[in-house]
């Protein structure tokens, strides 16, 4: 399984907003520039995160985006599910009807187990944890938030 750029960039976007601090609004332009991501593509990602209720959009000339929830309440699993959809190694793991052999396939059971464990790991990593990891890698850094 390989995450798309939507999931990877969306995670960076959320970390950036969390680093900015509670209630701080960041523009797409500045995040796109600092993260070297297309502003148009970042807008699509932001829309998905906004629709999931993870961020607020502030309209206007001085508008931008800010977190809608505490970073401790959001997990990497939440973010990826909002952007990538269902996280599964194979379709038949969560939808047995996707394969005519699912009722007698031992591999399906293994893929399902691996998917469950992978999801548990993602759900155990909070956005606040990612911020802590970032700060540990960049001690004393306050202005250049490239992730």
C-alpha atoms as a PDB file:
ATOM      1  CA  UNK A   1       0.000   0.000   0.000  1.00  0.00           C
ATOM      2  CA  UNK A   2       1.251   3.433  -0.862  1.00  0.00           C
ATOM      3  CA  UNK A   3      -0.212   6.719   0.353  1.00  0.00           C
ATOM      4  CA  UNK A   4      -1.031   9.277  -2.299  1.00  0.00           C
ATOM      5  CA  UNK A   5       0.346  12.803  -2.301  1.00  0.00           C
ATOM      6  CA  UNK A   6      -3.059  13.900  -1.019  1.00  0.00           C
ATOM      7  CA  UNK A   7      -2.525  12.000   2.236  1.00  0.00           C
ATOM      8  CA  UNK A   8       1.107  12.991   2.602  1.00  0.00           C
ATOM      9  CA  UNK A   9       0.597  16.673   1.771  1.00  0.00           C
ATOM     10  CA  UNK A  10      -2.565  16.811   3.868  1.00  0.00           C
ATOM     11  CA  UNK A  11      -0.628  15.536   6.863  1.00  0.00           C
ATOM     12  CA  UNK A  12       2.041  18.201   6.314  1.00  0.00           C
ATOM     13  CA  UNK A  13      -0.691  20.836   5.977  1.00  0.00           C
ATOM     14  CA  UNK A  14      -2.262  19.782   9.292  1.00  0.00           C
ATOM     15  CA  UNK A  15       1.104  19.746  11.077  1.00  0.00           C
ATOM     16  CA  UNK A  16       1.778  23.229   9.750  1.00  0.00           C
ATOM     17  CA  UNK A  17      -1.541  24.536  11.096  1.00  0.00           C
ATOM     18  CA  UNK A  18      -0.893  22.858  14.451  1.00  0.00           C
ATOM     19  CA  UNK A  19       2.576  24.419  14.633  1.00  0.00           C
ATOM     20  CA  UNK A  20       1.068  27.850  13.982  1.00  0.00           C
ATOM     21  CA  UNK A  21      -0.857  27.577  17.239  1.00  0.00           C
ATOM     22  CA  UNK A  22      -4.422  27.650  18.457  1.00  0.00           C
ATOM     23  CA  UNK A  23      -6.574  30.117  16.562  1.00  0.00           C
ATOM     24  CA  UNK A  24      -3.781  31.210  14.226  1.00  0.00           C
ATOM     25  CA  UNK A  25      -4.832  31.489  10.594  1.00  0.00           C
ATOM     26  CA  UNK A  26      -2.392  30.539   7.825  1.00  0.00           C
ATOM     27  CA  UNK A  27      -2.872  31.292   4.152  1.00  0.00           C
ATOM     28  CA  UNK A  28      -2.694  28.612   1.500  1.00  0.00           C
ATOM     29  CA  UNK A  29      -0.174  30.741  -0.325  1.00  0.00           C
ATOM     30  CA  UNK A  30       2.315  30.748   2.548  1.00  0.00           C
ATOM     31  CA  UNK A  31       1.891  27.052   3.293  1.00  0.00           C
ATOM     32  CA  UNK A  32       2.137  26.123  -0.389  1.00  0.00           C
ATOM     33  CA  UNK A  33       5.315  28.196  -0.696  1.00  0.00           C
ATOM     34  CA  UNK A  34       6.937  26.856   2.476  1.00  0.00           C
ATOM     35  CA  UNK A  35       5.983  23.242   1.759  1.00  0.00           C
ATOM     36  CA  UNK A  36       6.665  23.407  -1.990  1.00  0.00           C
ATOM     37  CA  UNK A  37       3.136  22.226  -2.827  1.00  0.00           C
ATOM     38  CA  UNK A  38       0.938  23.603  -5.587  1.00  0.00           C
ATOM     39  CA  UNK A  39      -1.509  26.119  -4.104  1.00  0.00           C
ATOM     40  CA  UNK A  40      -4.297  24.758  -6.318  1.00  0.00           C
ATOM     41  CA  UNK A  41      -3.660  21.193  -5.130  1.00  0.00           C
ATOM     42  CA  UNK A  42      -3.403  22.326  -1.518  1.00  0.00           C
ATOM     43  CA  UNK A  43      -6.798  24.030  -1.896  1.00  0.00           C
ATOM     44  CA  UNK A  44      -8.323  20.667  -2.901  1.00  0.00           C
ATOM     45  CA  UNK A  45      -6.747  19.032   0.129  1.00  0.00           C
ATOM     46  CA  UNK A  46      -7.952  21.828   2.416  1.00  0.00           C
ATOM     47  CA  UNK A  47     -11.486  21.384   1.107  1.00  0.00           C
ATOM     48  CA  UNK A  48     -11.440  17.709   2.132  1.00  0.00           C
ATOM     49  CA  UNK A  49     -10.108  18.549   5.584  1.00  0.00           C
ATOM     50  CA  UNK A  50     -12.682  21.324   5.992  1.00  0.00           C
ATOM     51  CA  UNK A  51     -15.509  18.992   4.945  1.00  0.00           C
ATOM     52  CA  UNK A  52     -14.284  16.509   7.578  1.00  0.00           C
ATOM     53  CA  UNK A  53     -14.525  19.249  10.223  1.00  0.00           C
ATOM     54  CA  UNK A  54     -10.791  19.341  10.937  1.00  0.00           C
ATOM     55  CA  UNK A  55     -10.126  22.914   9.816  1.00  0.00           C
ATOM     56  CA  UNK A  56     -11.961  26.230   9.528  1.00  0.00           C
ATOM     57  CA  UNK A  57     -11.707  28.508   6.520  1.00  0.00           C
ATOM     58  CA  UNK A  58     -11.588  32.241   7.158  1.00  0.00           C
ATOM     59  CA  UNK A  59     -12.685  34.137   4.028  1.00  0.00           C
ATOM     60  CA  UNK A  60     -11.451  37.507   2.878  1.00  0.00           C
ATOM     61  CA  UNK A  61      -8.240  39.258   2.015  1.00  0.00           C
ATOM     62  CA  UNK A  62      -6.648  38.282   5.331  1.00  0.00           C
ATOM     63  CA  UNK A  63      -8.305  34.873   5.446  1.00  0.00           C
ATOM     64  CA  UNK A  64      -6.810  31.456   5.526  1.00  0.00           C
ATOM     65  CA  UNK A  65      -7.147  28.229   7.466  1.00  0.00           C
ATOM     66  CA  UNK A  66      -6.854  27.239  11.097  1.00  0.00           C
ATOM     67  CA  UNK A  67      -7.427  24.055  13.049  1.00  0.00           C
ATOM     68  CA  UNK A  68     -11.003  23.390  14.123  1.00  0.00           C
ATOM     69  CA  UNK A  69     -10.011  20.784  16.702  1.00  0.00           C
ATOM     70  CA  UNK A  70      -7.332  20.324  19.308  1.00  0.00           C
ATOM     71  CA  UNK A  71      -4.287  18.513  17.837  1.00  0.00           C
ATOM     72  CA  UNK A  72      -4.534  16.011  20.679  1.00  0.00           C
ATOM     73  CA  UNK A  73      -7.997  14.961  19.466  1.00  0.00           C
ATOM     74  CA  UNK A  74      -7.028  14.267  15.853  1.00  0.00           C
ATOM     75  CA  UNK A  75      -5.154  11.175  14.772  1.00  0.00           C
ATOM     76  CA  UNK A  76      -3.129  10.409  11.700  1.00  0.00           C
ATOM     77  CA  UNK A  77      -5.789   7.797  10.957  1.00  0.00           C
ATOM     78  CA  UNK A  78      -8.500  10.487  11.009  1.00  0.00           C
ATOM     79  CA  UNK A  79      -6.559  12.703   8.614  1.00  0.00           C
ATOM     80  CA  UNK A  80      -5.699   9.932   6.172  1.00  0.00           C
ATOM     81  CA  UNK A  81      -9.218   8.499   6.183  1.00  0.00           C
ATOM     82  CA  UNK A  82     -10.629  11.955   5.377  1.00  0.00           C
ATOM     83  CA  UNK A  83      -8.234  12.383   2.456  1.00  0.00           C
ATOM     84  CA  UNK A  84      -7.615   8.859   1.194  1.00  0.00           C
ATOM     85  CA  UNK A  85     -10.909   7.172   1.993  1.00  0.00           C
ATOM     86  CA  UNK A  86     -11.015   3.712   3.490  1.00  0.00           C
ATOM     87  CA  UNK A  87      -7.601   2.427   4.482  1.00  0.00           C
ATOM     88  CA  UNK A  88      -7.289  -1.227   3.462  1.00  0.00           C
ATOM     89  CA  UNK A  89      -4.588  -3.372   1.922  1.00  0.00           C
ATOM     90  CA  UNK A  90      -7.119  -5.232  -0.235  1.00  0.00           C
ATOM     91  CA  UNK A  91     -10.782  -4.648  -1.035  1.00  0.00           C
ATOM     92  CA  UNK A  92     -11.928  -8.059   0.128  1.00  0.00           C
ATOM     93  CA  UNK A  93     -10.578  -7.486   3.641  1.00  0.00           C
ATOM     94  CA  UNK A  94     -13.386  -5.111   4.558  1.00  0.00           C
ATOM     95  CA  UNK A  95     -15.799  -6.020   1.756  1.00  0.00           C
ATOM     96  CA  UNK A  96     -15.905  -9.819   1.341  1.00  0.00           C
ATOM     97  CA  UNK A  97     -18.376  -9.475  -1.524  1.00  0.00           C
ATOM     98  CA  UNK A  98     -15.590  -7.848  -3.569  1.00  0.00           C
ATOM     99  CA  UNK A  99     -14.141 -11.289  -4.269  1.00  0.00           C
ATOM    100  CA  UNK A 100     -15.942 -14.514  -5.135  1.00  0.00           C
ATOM    101  CA  UNK A 101     -13.295 -16.518  -3.245  1.00  0.00           C
ATOM    102  CA  UNK A 102     -13.391 -14.532   0.008  1.00  0.00           C
ATOM    103  CA  UNK A 103     -15.329 -17.175   1.954  1.00  0.00           C
ATOM    104  CA  UNK A 104     -12.517 -19.732   1.701  1.00  0.00           C
ATOM    105  CA  UNK A 105      -9.427 -17.549   1.271  1.00  0.00           C
ATOM    106  CA  UNK A 106      -6.940 -17.698   4.124  1.00  0.00           C
ATOM    107  CA  UNK A 107      -4.936 -14.802   2.644  1.00  0.00           C
ATOM    108  CA  UNK A 108      -8.006 -12.532   2.992  1.00  0.00           C
ATOM    109  CA  UNK A 109      -7.989 -13.188   6.739  1.00  0.00           C
ATOM    110  CA  UNK A 110      -4.306 -12.259   6.957  1.00  0.00           C
ATOM    111  CA  UNK A 111      -4.777  -9.067   4.893  1.00  0.00           C
ATOM    112  CA  UNK A 112      -7.693  -8.109   7.106  1.00  0.00           C
ATOM    113  CA  UNK A 113      -5.589  -8.638  10.249  1.00  0.00           C
ATOM    114  CA  UNK A 114      -2.682  -6.610   8.846  1.00  0.00           C
ATOM    115  CA  UNK A 115      -5.073  -3.810   7.840  1.00  0.00           C
ATOM    116  CA  UNK A 116      -6.571  -3.717  11.349  1.00  0.00           C
ATOM    117  CA  UNK A 117      -3.131  -3.453  12.941  1.00  0.00           C
ATOM    118  CA  UNK A 118      -2.057  -0.767  10.478  1.00  0.00           C
ATOM    119  CA  UNK A 119      -5.203   1.243  11.248  1.00  0.00           C
ATOM    120  CA  UNK A 120      -4.581   0.843  14.988  1.00  0.00           C
ATOM    121  CA  UNK A 121      -1.087   2.307  14.587  1.00  0.00           C
ATOM    122  CA  UNK A 122      -2.416   5.261  12.578  1.00  0.00           C
ATOM    123  CA  UNK A 123      -5.144   5.836  15.157  1.00  0.00           C
ATOM    124  CA  UNK A 124      -2.551   5.833  17.928  1.00  0.00           C
ATOM    125  CA  UNK A 125      -0.551   8.711  16.421  1.00  0.00           C
ATOM    126  CA  UNK A 126      -2.103  12.077  17.265  1.00  0.00           C
ATOM    127  CA  UNK A 127      -1.515  15.311  15.398  1.00  0.00           C
ATOM    128  CA  UNK A 128      -0.037  16.621  18.648  1.00  0.00           C
ATOM    129  CA  UNK A 129       2.493  13.753  18.528  1.00  0.00           C
ATOM    130  CA  UNK A 130       3.552  14.797  15.027  1.00  0.00           C
ATOM    131  CA  UNK A 131       4.051  18.359  16.255  1.00  0.00           C
ATOM    132  CA  UNK A 132       6.208  17.082  19.141  1.00  0.00           C
ATOM    133  CA  UNK A 133       8.265  14.991  16.718  1.00  0.00           C
ATOM    134  CA  UNK A 134       8.714  17.997  14.446  1.00  0.00           C
ATOM    135  CA  UNK A 135       9.877  20.169  17.334  1.00  0.00           C
ATOM    136  CA  UNK A 136      12.306  17.474  18.478  1.00  0.00           C
ATOM    137  CA  UNK A 137      13.828  17.419  14.981  1.00  0.00           C
ATOM    138  CA  UNK A 138      13.949  21.225  14.791  1.00  0.00           C
ATOM    139  CA  UNK A 139      14.757  22.539  18.277  1.00  0.00           C
ATOM    140  CA  UNK A 140      14.422  26.294  18.616  1.00  0.00           C
ATOM    141  CA  UNK A 141      12.967  26.737  15.154  1.00  0.00           C
ATOM    142  CA  UNK A 142      10.198  29.300  15.111  1.00  0.00           C
ATOM    143  CA  UNK A 143       9.815  30.740  11.627  1.00  0.00           C
ATOM    144  CA  UNK A 144      10.661  28.206   8.891  1.00  0.00           C
ATOM    145  CA  UNK A 145       8.157  25.374   9.214  1.00  0.00           C
ATOM    146  CA  UNK A 146       9.046  23.252   6.190  1.00  0.00           C
ATOM    147  CA  UNK A 147       8.007  19.726   7.058  1.00  0.00           C
END
